[in-house]
Structure formats: structure tokens, C-alpha cells
Amino acid sequence: MDNKTMSILGLVLAFIVPIAGVIISAIALNKMKQSGVEEGKGLAMAGLIIGIVIMAIGVIASVCMVCMAGVVAAGSGY
């Protein structure tokens, strides 16, 4: 697979399966660095950044939901 294809795949996967998008984008960036061909670098960077941001939002949302469940469970003893 060439670098541009991996960059596009990484960007698409960043929205669907963020961890896979981050991994594919990182691999594409690494291959670009090794080969010197920078075609698709912007797409790979976008896939990496979007995947990381979506994963961070998911972690924050999960922590908030656990905290809210704890507050509801603690307050339901009326």
C-alpha cells in the first residue's frame, strides 16, 4: 500500500475506529519519513490528530458517566 492510500485509510478510520486510525496514520507518517515521499502527509496528520481527539473525548465521557453513576447511586438512599 502506498503512503497516500494509507493516509486516506487512517483519516477514515479515525472517525470510525479511532485507535485503528491513529495506528494506520502513524505507520503512514513513519513510512513517509523513511522514504522521503511526503505525499499525503496532511491527511496522515489529520487522521492522527482526529483519532487522538476522539479517543480523548471518549475517555473523558466515560469518566464523567462513571462519576455521575456514583453520584446517583450515593444519592438514591432516601
PDB file of N, CA and C in Angstrom:
ATOM      1  N   MET A   1       0.853  -1.176   0.000  1.00  0.00           N
ATOM      2  CA  MET A   1       0.000   0.000   0.000  1.00  0.00           C
ATOM      3  C   MET A   1       0.904   1.246   0.000  1.00  0.00           C
ATOM      4  N   ASP A   2       0.561   2.214  -0.815  1.00  0.00           N
ATOM      5  CA  ASP A   2       1.390   3.416  -0.848  1.00  0.00           C
ATOM      6  C   ASP A   2       0.993   4.379   0.278  1.00  0.00           C
ATOM      7  N   ASN A   3       1.806   5.401   0.452  1.00  0.00           N
ATOM      8  CA  ASN A   3       1.628   6.328   1.574  1.00  0.00           C
ATOM      9  C   ASN A   3       0.305   7.088   1.508  1.00  0.00           C
ATOM     10  N   LYS A   4      -0.075   7.521   0.315  1.00  0.00           N
ATOM     11  CA  LYS A   4      -1.310   8.301   0.186  1.00  0.00           C
ATOM     12  C   LYS A   4      -2.532   7.450   0.540  1.00  0.00           C
ATOM     13  N   THR A   5      -2.544   6.211   0.099  1.00  0.00           N
ATOM     14  CA  THR A   5      -3.658   5.304   0.420  1.00  0.00           C
ATOM     15  C   THR A   5      -3.742   5.062   1.923  1.00  0.00           C
ATOM     16  N   MET A   6      -2.588   4.838   2.549  1.00  0.00           N
ATOM     17  CA  MET A   6      -2.588   4.632   4.000  1.00  0.00           C
ATOM     18  C   MET A   6      -3.039   5.889   4.735  1.00  0.00           C
ATOM     19  N   SER A   7      -2.685   7.058   4.216  1.00  0.00           N
ATOM     20  CA  SER A   7      -3.102   8.314   4.836  1.00  0.00           C
ATOM     21  C   SER A   7      -4.612   8.470   4.780  1.00  0.00           C
ATOM     22  N   ILE A   8      -5.191   8.186   3.626  1.00  0.00           N
ATOM     23  CA  ILE A   8      -6.650   8.279   3.471  1.00  0.00           C
ATOM     24  C   ILE A   8      -7.337   7.261   4.376  1.00  0.00           C
ATOM     25  N   LEU A   9      -6.822   6.045   4.393  1.00  0.00           N
ATOM     26  CA  LEU A   9      -7.398   4.998   5.249  1.00  0.00           C
ATOM     27  C   LEU A   9      -7.303   5.389   6.723  1.00  0.00           C
ATOM     28  N   GLY A  10      -6.189   5.960   7.130  1.00  0.00           N
ATOM     29  CA  GLY A  10      -6.030   6.406   8.514  1.00  0.00           C
ATOM     30  C   GLY A  10      -7.017   7.499   8.883  1.00  0.00           C
ATOM     31  N   LEU A  11      -7.244   8.427   7.956  1.00  0.00           N
ATOM     32  CA  LEU A  11      -8.203   9.504   8.219  1.00  0.00           C
ATOM     33  C   LEU A  11      -9.622   8.967   8.341  1.00  0.00           C
ATOM     34  N   VAL A  12     -10.001   8.066   7.452  1.00  0.00           N
ATOM     35  CA  VAL A  12     -11.358   7.493   7.507  1.00  0.00           C
ATOM     36  C   VAL A  12     -11.540   6.678   8.778  1.00  0.00           C
ATOM     37  N   LEU A  13     -10.557   5.861   9.103  1.00  0.00           N
ATOM     38  CA  LEU A  13     -10.660   5.033  10.307  1.00  0.00           C
ATOM     39  C   LEU A  13     -10.646   5.861  11.592  1.00  0.00           C
ATOM     40  N   ALA A  14     -10.064   7.052  11.544  1.00  0.00           N
ATOM     41  CA  ALA A  14     -10.034   7.909  12.734  1.00  0.00           C
ATOM     42  C   ALA A  14     -11.450   8.252  13.186  1.00  0.00           C
ATOM     43  N   PHE A  15     -12.383   8.327  12.256  1.00  0.00           N
ATOM     44  CA  PHE A  15     -13.772   8.630  12.602  1.00  0.00           C
ATOM     45  C   PHE A  15     -14.547   7.379  13.008  1.00  0.00           C
ATOM     46  N   ILE A  16     -14.196   6.239  12.441  1.00  0.00           N
ATOM     47  CA  ILE A  16     -14.956   5.002  12.679  1.00  0.00           C
ATOM     48  C   ILE A  16     -14.383   4.226  13.864  1.00  0.00           C
ATOM     49  N   VAL A  17     -13.091   3.934  13.815  1.00  0.00           N
ATOM     50  CA  VAL A  17     -12.384   3.203  14.875  1.00  0.00           C
ATOM     51  C   VAL A  17     -11.122   4.017  15.182  1.00  0.00           C
ATOM     52  N   PRO A  18     -11.218   4.967  16.118  1.00  0.00           N
ATOM     53  CA  PRO A  18     -10.114   5.913  16.330  1.00  0.00           C
ATOM     54  C   PRO A  18      -8.749   5.283  16.593  1.00  0.00           C
ATOM     55  N   ILE A  19      -8.692   4.201  17.355  1.00  0.00           N
ATOM     56  CA  ILE A  19      -7.394   3.590  17.658  1.00  0.00           C
ATOM     57  C   ILE A  19      -6.742   3.054  16.388  1.00  0.00           C
ATOM     58  N   ALA A  20      -7.535   2.462  15.508  1.00  0.00           N
ATOM     59  CA  ALA A  20      -7.006   1.960  14.239  1.00  0.00           C
ATOM     60  C   ALA A  20      -6.560   3.120  13.351  1.00  0.00           C
ATOM     61  N   GLY A  21      -7.315   4.209  13.365  1.00  0.00           N
ATOM     62  CA  GLY A  21      -6.939   5.382  12.591  1.00  0.00           C
ATOM     63  C   GLY A  21      -5.624   5.973  13.050  1.00  0.00           C
ATOM     64  N   VAL A  22      -5.421   6.025  14.357  1.00  0.00           N
ATOM     65  CA  VAL A  22      -4.168   6.544  14.911  1.00  0.00           C
ATOM     66  C   VAL A  22      -3.002   5.642  14.502  1.00  0.00           C
ATOM     67  N   ILE A  23      -3.191   4.345  14.595  1.00  0.00           N
ATOM     68  CA  ILE A  23      -2.122   3.402  14.262  1.00  0.00           C
ATOM     69  C   ILE A  23      -1.763   3.481  12.777  1.00  0.00           C
ATOM     70  N   ILE A  24      -2.770   3.442  11.906  1.00  0.00           N
ATOM     71  CA  ILE A  24      -2.517   3.493  10.460  1.00  0.00           C
ATOM     72  C   ILE A  24      -1.884   4.825  10.069  1.00  0.00           C
ATOM     73  N   SER A  25      -2.363   5.921  10.651  1.00  0.00           N
ATOM     74  CA  SER A  25      -1.795   7.234  10.341  1.00  0.00           C
ATOM     75  C   SER A  25      -0.341   7.329  10.794  1.00  0.00           C
ATOM     76  N   ALA A  26      -0.047   6.780  11.975  1.00  0.00           N
ATOM     77  CA  ALA A  26       1.325   6.793  12.472  1.00  0.00           C
ATOM     78  C   ALA A  26       2.241   5.951  11.585  1.00  0.00           C
ATOM     79  N   ILE A  27       1.748   4.823  11.121  1.00  0.00           N
ATOM     80  CA  ILE A  27       2.532   3.986  10.218  1.00  0.00           C
ATOM     81  C   ILE A  27       2.790   4.722   8.900  1.00  0.00           C
ATOM     82  N   ALA A  28       1.755   5.388   8.376  1.00  0.00           N
ATOM     83  CA  ALA A  28       1.916   6.141   7.126  1.00  0.00           C
ATOM     84  C   ALA A  28       2.947   7.255   7.295  1.00  0.00           C
ATOM     85  N   LEU A  29       2.886   7.972   8.405  1.00  0.00           N
ATOM     86  CA  LEU A  29       3.860   9.041   8.648  1.00  0.00           C
ATOM     87  C   LEU A  29       5.278   8.480   8.762  1.00  0.00           C
ATOM     88  N   ASN A  30       5.411   7.345   9.421  1.00  0.00           N
ATOM     89  CA  ASN A  30       6.719   6.717   9.569  1.00  0.00           C
ATOM     90  C   ASN A  30       7.275   6.280   8.210  1.00  0.00           C
ATOM     91  N   LYS A  31       6.410   5.685   7.370  1.00  0.00           N
ATOM     92  CA  LYS A  31       6.850   5.269   6.043  1.00  0.00           C
ATOM     93  C   LYS A  31       7.245   6.474   5.193  1.00  0.00           C
ATOM     94  N   MET A  32       6.519   7.596   5.352  1.00  0.00           N
ATOM     95  CA  MET A  32       6.860   8.807   4.608  1.00  0.00           C
ATOM     96  C   MET A  32       8.221   9.336   5.044  1.00  0.00           C
ATOM     97  N   LYS A  33       8.478   9.274   6.326  1.00  0.00           N
ATOM     98  CA  LYS A  33       9.750   9.759   6.862  1.00  0.00           C
ATOM     99  C   LYS A  33      10.909   8.912   6.335  1.00  0.00           C
ATOM    100  N   GLN A  34      10.695   7.592   6.264  1.00  0.00           N
ATOM    101  CA  GLN A  34      11.743   6.692   5.796  1.00  0.00           C
ATOM    102  C   GLN A  34      11.991   6.818   4.301  1.00  0.00           C
ATOM    103  N   SER A  35      10.913   6.978   3.523  1.00  0.00           N
ATOM    104  CA  SER A  35      11.057   7.014   2.062  1.00  0.00           C
ATOM    105  C   SER A  35      11.363   8.409   1.530  1.00  0.00           C
ATOM    106  N   GLY A  36      11.024   9.434   2.294  1.00  0.00           N
ATOM    107  CA  GLY A  36      11.250  10.796   1.839  1.00  0.00           C
ATOM    108  C   GLY A  36      10.121  11.353   0.990  1.00  0.00           C
ATOM    109  N   VAL A  37       9.151  10.537   0.643  1.00  0.00           N
ATOM    110  CA  VAL A  37       7.995  10.972  -0.145  1.00  0.00           C
ATOM    111  C   VAL A  37       6.932  11.470   0.822  1.00  0.00           C
ATOM    112  N   GLU A  38       6.555  12.734   0.694  1.00  0.00           N
ATOM    113  CA  GLU A  38       5.639  13.331   1.666  1.00  0.00           C
ATOM    114  C   GLU A  38       4.225  13.507   1.116  1.00  0.00           C
ATOM    115  N   GLU A  39       3.884  12.780   0.078  1.00  0.00           N
ATOM    116  CA  GLU A  39       2.547  12.884  -0.494  1.00  0.00           C
ATOM    117  C   GLU A  39       1.536  12.259   0.466  1.00  0.00           C
ATOM    118  N   GLY A  40       0.553  13.039   0.895  1.00  0.00           N
ATOM    119  CA  GLY A  40      -0.452  12.566   1.829  1.00  0.00           C
ATOM    120  C   GLY A  40      -0.122  12.833   3.279  1.00  0.00           C
ATOM    121  N   LYS A  41       0.909  13.620   3.542  1.00  0.00           N
ATOM    122  CA  LYS A  41       1.314  13.880   4.927  1.00  0.00           C
ATOM    123  C   LYS A  41       0.222  14.617   5.694  1.00  0.00           C
ATOM    124  N   GLY A  42      -0.450  15.554   5.043  1.00  0.00           N
ATOM    125  CA  GLY A  42      -1.524  16.299   5.707  1.00  0.00           C
ATOM    126  C   GLY A  42      -2.676  15.401   6.117  1.00  0.00           C
ATOM    127  N   LEU A  43      -3.023  14.452   5.251  1.00  0.00           N
ATOM    128  CA  LEU A  43      -4.098  13.510   5.577  1.00  0.00           C
ATOM    129  C   LEU A  43      -3.709  12.618   6.754  1.00  0.00           C
ATOM    130  N   ALA A  44      -2.458  12.176   6.759  1.00  0.00           N
ATOM    131  CA  ALA A  44      -1.992  11.326   7.855  1.00  0.00           C
ATOM    132  C   ALA A  44      -1.968  12.098   9.172  1.00  0.00           C
ATOM    133  N   MET A  45      -1.518  13.340   9.132  1.00  0.00           N
ATOM    134  CA  MET A  45      -1.513  14.172  10.347  1.00  0.00           C
ATOM    135  C   MET A  45      -2.938  14.415  10.835  1.00  0.00           C
ATOM    136  N   ALA A  46      -3.848  14.679   9.901  1.00  0.00           N
ATOM    137  CA  ALA A  46      -5.244  14.898  10.280  1.00  0.00           C
ATOM    138  C   ALA A  46      -5.831  13.636  10.912  1.00  0.00           C
ATOM    139  N   GLY A  47      -5.548  12.476  10.330  1.00  0.00           N
ATOM    140  CA  GLY A  47      -6.036  11.214  10.897  1.00  0.00           C
ATOM    141  C   GLY A  47      -5.488  10.970  12.288  1.00  0.00           C
ATOM    142  N   LEU A  48      -4.226  11.292  12.484  1.00  0.00           N
ATOM    143  CA  LEU A  48      -3.599  11.121  13.793  1.00  0.00           C
ATOM    144  C   LEU A  48      -4.234  12.049  14.827  1.00  0.00           C
ATOM    145  N   ILE A  49      -4.370  13.309  14.484  1.00  0.00           N
ATOM    146  CA  ILE A  49      -4.931  14.296  15.421  1.00  0.00           C
ATOM    147  C   ILE A  49      -6.397  14.001  15.716  1.00  0.00           C
ATOM    148  N   ILE A  50      -7.182  13.740  14.687  1.00  0.00           N
ATOM    149  CA  ILE A  50      -8.619  13.472  14.894  1.00  0.00           C
ATOM    150  C   ILE A  50      -8.815  12.207  15.717  1.00  0.00           C
ATOM    151  N   GLY A  51      -8.049  11.163  15.434  1.00  0.00           N
ATOM    152  CA  GLY A  51      -8.165   9.925  16.202  1.00  0.00           C
ATOM    153  C   GLY A  51      -7.839  10.132  17.668  1.00  0.00           C
ATOM    154  N   ILE A  52      -6.772  10.887  17.942  1.00  0.00           N
ATOM    155  CA  ILE A  52      -6.393  11.156  19.336  1.00  0.00           C
ATOM    156  C   ILE A  52      -7.464  11.984  20.041  1.00  0.00           C
ATOM    157  N   VAL A  53      -7.990  12.997  19.360  1.00  0.00           N
ATOM    158  CA  VAL A  53      -9.025  13.852  19.968  1.00  0.00           C
ATOM    159  C   VAL A  53     -10.289  13.046  20.257  1.00  0.00           C
ATOM    160  N   ILE A  54     -10.707  12.211  19.316  1.00  0.00           N
ATOM    161  CA  ILE A  54     -11.924  11.407  19.534  1.00  0.00           C
ATOM    162  C   ILE A  54     -11.718  10.416  20.681  1.00  0.00           C
ATOM    163  N   MET A  55     -10.525   9.814  20.771  1.00  0.00           N
ATOM    164  CA  MET A  55     -10.261   8.904  21.890  1.00  0.00           C
ATOM    165  C   MET A  55     -10.257   9.651  23.216  1.00  0.00           C
ATOM    166  N   ALA A  56      -9.687  10.850  23.243  1.00  0.00           N
ATOM    167  CA  ALA A  56      -9.667  11.643  24.478  1.00  0.00           C
ATOM    168  C   ALA A  56     -11.083  12.018  24.906  1.00  0.00           C
ATOM    169  N   ILE A  57     -11.910  12.399  23.942  1.00  0.00           N
ATOM    170  CA  ILE A  57     -13.308  12.722  24.262  1.00  0.00           C
ATOM    171  C   ILE A  57     -14.018  11.495  24.818  1.00  0.00           C
ATOM    172  N   GLY A  58     -13.741  10.328  24.250  1.00  0.00           N
ATOM    173  CA  GLY A  58     -14.358   9.091  24.746  1.00  0.00           C
ATOM    174  C   GLY A  58     -13.938   8.769  26.168  1.00  0.00           C
ATOM    175  N   VAL A  59     -12.671   8.973  26.470  1.00  0.00           N
ATOM    176  CA  VAL A  59     -12.181   8.709  27.837  1.00  0.00           C
ATOM    177  C   VAL A  59     -12.813   9.691  28.819  1.00  0.00           C
ATOM    178  N   ILE A  60     -12.856  10.962  28.456  1.00  0.00           N
ATOM    179  CA  ILE A  60     -13.465  11.973  29.334  1.00  0.00           C
ATOM    180  C   ILE A  60     -14.945  11.680  29.547  1.00  0.00           C
ATOM    181  N   ALA A  61     -15.653  11.313  28.481  1.00  0.00           N
ATOM    182  CA  ALA A  61     -17.078  10.989  28.604  1.00  0.00           C
ATOM    183  C   ALA A  61     -17.290   9.764  29.501  1.00  0.00           C
ATOM    184  N   SER A  62     -16.426   8.771  29.361  1.00  0.00           N
ATOM    185  CA  SER A  62     -16.543   7.567  30.193  1.00  0.00           C
ATOM    186  C   SER A  62     -16.325   7.890  31.666  1.00  0.00           C
ATOM    187  N   VAL A  63     -15.317   8.700  31.958  1.00  0.00           N
ATOM    188  CA  VAL A  63     -15.049   9.085  33.346  1.00  0.00           C
ATOM    189  C   VAL A  63     -16.232   9.871  33.909  1.00  0.00           C
ATOM    190  N   CYS A  64     -16.789  10.782  33.132  1.00  0.00           N
ATOM    191  CA  CYS A  64     -17.946  11.560  33.586  1.00  0.00           C
ATOM    192  C   CYS A  64     -19.150  10.666  33.859  1.00  0.00           C
ATOM    193  N   MET A  65     -19.371   9.680  32.993  1.00  0.00           N
ATOM    194  CA  MET A  65     -20.513   8.784  33.190  1.00  0.00           C
ATOM    195  C   MET A  65     -20.344   7.943  34.449  1.00  0.00           C
ATOM    196  N   VAL A  66     -19.128   7.479  34.719  1.00  0.00           N
ATOM    197  CA  VAL A  66     -18.878   6.700  35.934  1.00  0.00           C
ATOM    198  C   VAL A  66     -19.088   7.576  37.167  1.00  0.00           C
ATOM    199  N   CYS A  67     -18.620   8.823  37.103  1.00  0.00           N
ATOM    200  CA  CYS A  67     -18.805   9.735  38.237  1.00  0.00           C
ATOM    201  C   CYS A  67     -20.282  10.031  38.470  1.00  0.00           C
ATOM    202  N   MET A  68     -21.022  10.254  37.392  1.00  0.00           N
ATOM    203  CA  MET A  68     -22.457  10.531  37.542  1.00  0.00           C
ATOM    204  C   MET A  68     -23.194   9.314  38.077  1.00  0.00           C
ATOM    205  N   ALA A  69     -22.798   8.118  37.648  1.00  0.00           N
ATOM    206  CA  ALA A  69     -23.432   6.897  38.165  1.00  0.00           C
ATOM    207  C   ALA A  69     -23.150   6.761  39.658  1.00  0.00           C
ATOM    208  N   GLY A  70     -21.946   7.120  40.080  1.00  0.00           N
ATOM    209  CA  GLY A  70     -21.625   7.082  41.507  1.00  0.00           C
ATOM    210  C   GLY A  70     -22.435   8.071  42.316  1.00  0.00           C
ATOM    211  N   VAL A  71     -22.648   9.261  41.769  1.00  0.00           N
ATOM    212  CA  VAL A  71     -23.440  10.277  42.459  1.00  0.00           C
ATOM    213  C   VAL A  71     -24.894   9.838  42.562  1.00  0.00           C
ATOM    214  N   VAL A  72     -25.411   9.257  41.504  1.00  0.00           N
ATOM    215  CA  VAL A  72     -26.803   8.783  41.532  1.00  0.00           C
ATOM    216  C   VAL A  72     -26.951   7.628  42.516  1.00  0.00           C
ATOM    217  N   ALA A  73     -25.995   6.708  42.528  1.00  0.00           N
ATOM    218  CA  ALA A  73     -26.070   5.570  43.437  1.00  0.00           C
ATOM    219  C   ALA A  73     -25.947   6.030  44.883  1.00  0.00           C
ATOM    220  N   ALA A  74     -25.112   7.015  45.145  1.00  0.00           N
ATOM    221  CA  ALA A  74     -24.941   7.512  46.513  1.00  0.00           C
ATOM    222  C   ALA A  74     -26.152   8.310  46.978  1.00  0.00           C
ATOM    223  N   GLY A  75     -26.809   8.967  46.039  1.00  0.00           N
ATOM    224  CA  GLY A  75     -27.952   9.803  46.412  1.00  0.00           C
ATOM    225  C   GLY A  75     -29.272   9.072  46.405  1.00  0.00           C
ATOM    226  N   SER A  76     -29.301   7.812  46.046  1.00  0.00           N
ATOM    227  CA  SER A  76     -30.582   7.095  45.950  1.00  0.00           C
ATOM    228  C   SER A  76     -30.977   6.413  47.263  1.00  0.00           C
ATOM    229  N   GLY A  77     -30.336   6.731  48.352  1.00  0.00           N
ATOM    230  CA  GLY A  77     -30.646   6.084  49.624  1.00  0.00           C
ATOM    231  C   GLY A  77     -31.727   6.779  50.424  1.00  0.00           C
ATOM    232  N   TYR A  78     -32.556   7.576  49.802  1.00  0.00           N
ATOM    233  CA  TYR A  78     -33.608   8.301  50.527  1.00  0.00           C
ATOM    234  C   TYR A  78     -34.607   7.368  51.088  1.00  0.00           C
TER     235      TYR A  78
END
